[in-house]
Amino acid sequence: MHEVLLLEEVILHMKVKTVSVNQKHIVLAEDDSDDCELLIDTLNKRTDVSRVTTVQNGVDLLALLEYTAELSDLPDLIILDHNMPRMNGQETLQLLKASPRYSKIPVAIFSTQTSKLFTAECLALGAVKVYSKPTEFAKYQETIFKIIETI
């Protein structure tokens, strides 16, 4: 069983959930709780992931990163959904890549939005890759594993 830590709503009244899994630290910005649970379940099958932290939107992600005092505590990978409230994935990506502190963190977009224009825009903003969210569980897991391989 993996340890589940809930950081109190200290960081701008947001709910942050951290799940210990094994080596790399991944942050998922996703507003759909089912997608979050599916991603965590998929990552539980990996031995190269130490921590998965989920936030519900881009605003909460940026606040979480600001709260992270040590550069060594920043995530190894950020996975962004696009369709989130308050700040979507593309807006969040743009702010991350404009920041000297966060610009080196690999960011993958994992979304139902996958038009060629959207993909090109995200790649131009600095995303390592744009992945389509599959509807089948096996393909979902396979895609998550591909995302992890980017780091």
Protein backbone atom coordinates (compact mmCIF):
# COMPACT_ATOMS: atom_id res chain seq x y z
CA MET A 1 0.00 0.00 0.00
CA HIS A 2 1.30 3.44 -0.89
CA GLU A 3 1.39 6.33 1.53
CA VAL A 4 -1.09 9.09 0.73
CA LEU A 5 -0.34 12.58 2.03
CA LEU A 6 -2.81 15.45 1.88
CA LEU A 7 -1.31 18.90 2.20
CA GLU A 8 -3.88 21.06 3.96
CA GLU A 9 -5.46 23.83 1.97
CA VAL A 10 -2.57 26.04 2.97
CA ILE A 11 -1.43 26.85 -0.52
CA LEU A 12 -4.05 29.32 -1.70
CA HIS A 13 -6.95 27.16 -0.48
CA MET A 14 -6.18 24.40 -2.95
CA LYS A 15 -6.38 20.71 -2.35
CA VAL A 16 -3.09 19.00 -3.17
CA LYS A 17 -2.77 15.24 -3.04
CA THR A 18 0.63 13.58 -2.98
CA VAL A 19 0.93 9.85 -3.41
CA SER A 20 4.22 8.08 -2.79
CA VAL A 21 4.89 5.64 -5.59
CA ASN A 22 9.25 5.11 -6.05
CA GLN A 23 11.88 7.62 -7.69
CA LYS A 24 10.77 10.40 -10.08
CA HIS A 25 8.44 13.17 -8.93
CA ILE A 26 5.56 13.87 -11.30
CA VAL A 27 2.98 16.63 -10.99
CA LEU A 28 -0.36 16.18 -12.73
CA ALA A 29 -2.58 19.21 -13.36
CA GLU A 30 -5.97 17.65 -14.03
CA ASP A 31 -9.45 18.70 -12.93
CA ASP A 32 -11.10 15.31 -13.54
CA SER A 33 -10.78 13.13 -10.42
CA ASP A 34 -11.36 9.92 -12.39
CA ASP A 35 -8.46 10.75 -14.71
CA CYS A 36 -6.28 11.53 -11.67
CA GLU A 37 -7.07 8.18 -10.05
CA LEU A 38 -6.49 6.31 -13.30
CA LEU A 39 -3.12 7.99 -13.75
CA ILE A 40 -2.09 7.20 -10.16
CA ASP A 41 -3.20 3.59 -10.56
CA THR A 42 -1.16 3.36 -13.75
CA LEU A 43 1.91 4.89 -12.10
CA ASN A 44 1.62 2.41 -9.23
CA LYS A 45 2.71 -0.21 -11.76
CA ARG A 46 5.99 1.65 -12.31
CA THR A 47 9.09 1.28 -10.17
CA ASP A 48 10.74 4.49 -11.37
CA VAL A 49 8.28 7.00 -9.88
CA SER A 50 8.60 8.21 -6.29
CA ARG A 51 5.85 10.78 -5.99
CA VAL A 52 2.77 11.89 -7.85
CA THR A 53 1.24 15.21 -6.86
CA THR A 54 -2.09 16.26 -8.34
CA VAL A 55 -3.58 19.73 -8.58
CA GLN A 56 -6.84 20.74 -10.20
CA ASN A 57 -5.73 23.55 -12.50
CA GLY A 58 -2.88 25.71 -13.73
CA VAL A 59 -3.29 28.34 -11.02
CA ASP A 60 -2.89 25.70 -8.31
CA LEU A 61 0.10 24.21 -10.15
CA LEU A 62 1.92 27.54 -10.24
CA ALA A 63 1.13 28.14 -6.56
CA LEU A 64 2.45 24.67 -5.68
CA LEU A 65 5.68 25.32 -7.58
CA GLU A 66 6.11 28.71 -5.89
CA TYR A 67 5.61 26.98 -2.53
CA THR A 68 8.45 24.59 -3.42
CA ALA A 69 11.44 26.36 -1.91
CA GLU A 70 14.25 24.08 -3.08
CA LEU A 71 15.00 23.62 -6.76
CA SER A 72 15.82 19.99 -6.01
CA ASP A 73 12.21 19.50 -4.86
CA LEU A 74 10.73 20.63 -8.17
CA PRO A 75 9.09 17.86 -10.20
CA ASP A 76 10.90 15.83 -12.84
CA LEU A 77 7.86 16.03 -15.12
CA ILE A 78 4.62 17.99 -15.31
CA ILE A 79 1.63 16.46 -17.07
CA LEU A 80 -0.98 19.04 -18.05
CA ASP A 81 -4.55 18.55 -19.11
CA HIS A 82 -5.71 21.33 -21.42
CA ASN A 83 -9.36 21.76 -20.46
CA MET A 84 -9.10 22.97 -16.85
CA PRO A 85 -10.89 25.75 -14.98
CA ARG A 86 -9.16 28.99 -13.98
CA MET A 87 -6.13 28.48 -16.28
CA ASN A 88 -5.99 25.97 -19.11
CA GLY A 89 -3.01 23.80 -20.00
CA GLN A 90 -1.76 25.97 -22.83
CA GLU A 91 -1.79 29.13 -20.68
CA THR A 92 -0.04 27.25 -17.89
CA LEU A 93 2.58 25.88 -20.28
CA GLN A 94 3.30 29.38 -21.57
CA LEU A 95 3.89 30.70 -18.03
CA LEU A 96 6.04 27.71 -17.05
CA LYS A 97 8.30 28.03 -20.06
CA ALA A 98 8.63 31.82 -19.58
CA SER A 99 9.95 31.31 -16.05
CA PRO A 100 13.70 30.77 -15.63
CA ARG A 101 12.92 28.66 -12.53
CA TYR A 102 10.52 26.26 -14.26
CA SER A 103 11.50 26.38 -17.94
CA LYS A 104 13.74 23.30 -17.71
CA ILE A 105 11.00 21.05 -16.27
CA PRO A 106 9.67 18.79 -19.05
CA VAL A 107 5.96 19.36 -19.65
CA ALA A 108 3.73 16.89 -21.48
CA ILE A 109 0.20 17.77 -22.54
CA PHE A 110 -2.28 14.92 -21.98
CA SER A 111 -5.67 15.98 -23.26
CA THR A 112 -8.71 15.22 -25.35
CA GLN A 113 -7.84 18.37 -27.33
CA THR A 114 -5.46 17.14 -30.06
CA SER A 115 -6.01 19.18 -33.19
CA LYS A 116 -2.94 19.74 -35.35
CA LEU A 117 -3.02 23.46 -34.62
CA PHE A 118 -3.26 22.89 -30.86
CA THR A 119 -0.41 20.36 -30.98
CA ALA A 120 1.80 22.72 -33.00
CA GLU A 121 1.08 25.60 -30.62
CA CYS A 122 1.93 23.51 -27.54
CA LEU A 123 5.15 22.23 -29.08
CA ALA A 124 6.12 25.79 -30.05
CA LEU A 125 5.51 26.87 -26.44
CA GLY A 126 7.90 24.17 -25.21
CA ALA A 127 5.87 21.04 -24.50
CA VAL A 128 7.96 17.89 -24.96
CA LYS A 129 4.98 16.18 -26.57
CA VAL A 130 1.20 16.35 -26.84
CA TYR A 131 -0.61 13.10 -26.07
CA SER A 132 -4.23 12.25 -26.78
CA LYS A 133 -6.18 10.72 -23.89
CA PRO A 134 -7.29 7.27 -25.06
CA THR A 135 -10.66 5.92 -23.98
CA GLU A 136 -9.49 2.31 -23.64
CA PHE A 137 -7.71 1.44 -20.38
CA ALA A 138 -4.85 -0.54 -21.98
CA LYS A 139 -4.08 2.30 -24.40
CA TYR A 140 -4.37 4.82 -21.55
CA GLN A 141 -1.73 2.91 -19.56
CA GLU A 142 0.49 2.58 -22.62
CA THR A 143 0.28 6.34 -23.23
CA ILE A 144 1.12 7.14 -19.59
CA PHE A 145 4.17 4.87 -19.83
CA LYS A 146 5.25 6.73 -23.00
CA ILE A 147 4.91 10.03 -21.16
CA ILE A 148 7.11 8.78 -18.32
CA GLU A 149 9.74 7.73 -20.84
CA THR A 150 10.11 11.40 -21.87
CA ILE A 151 12.08 12.09 -18.68
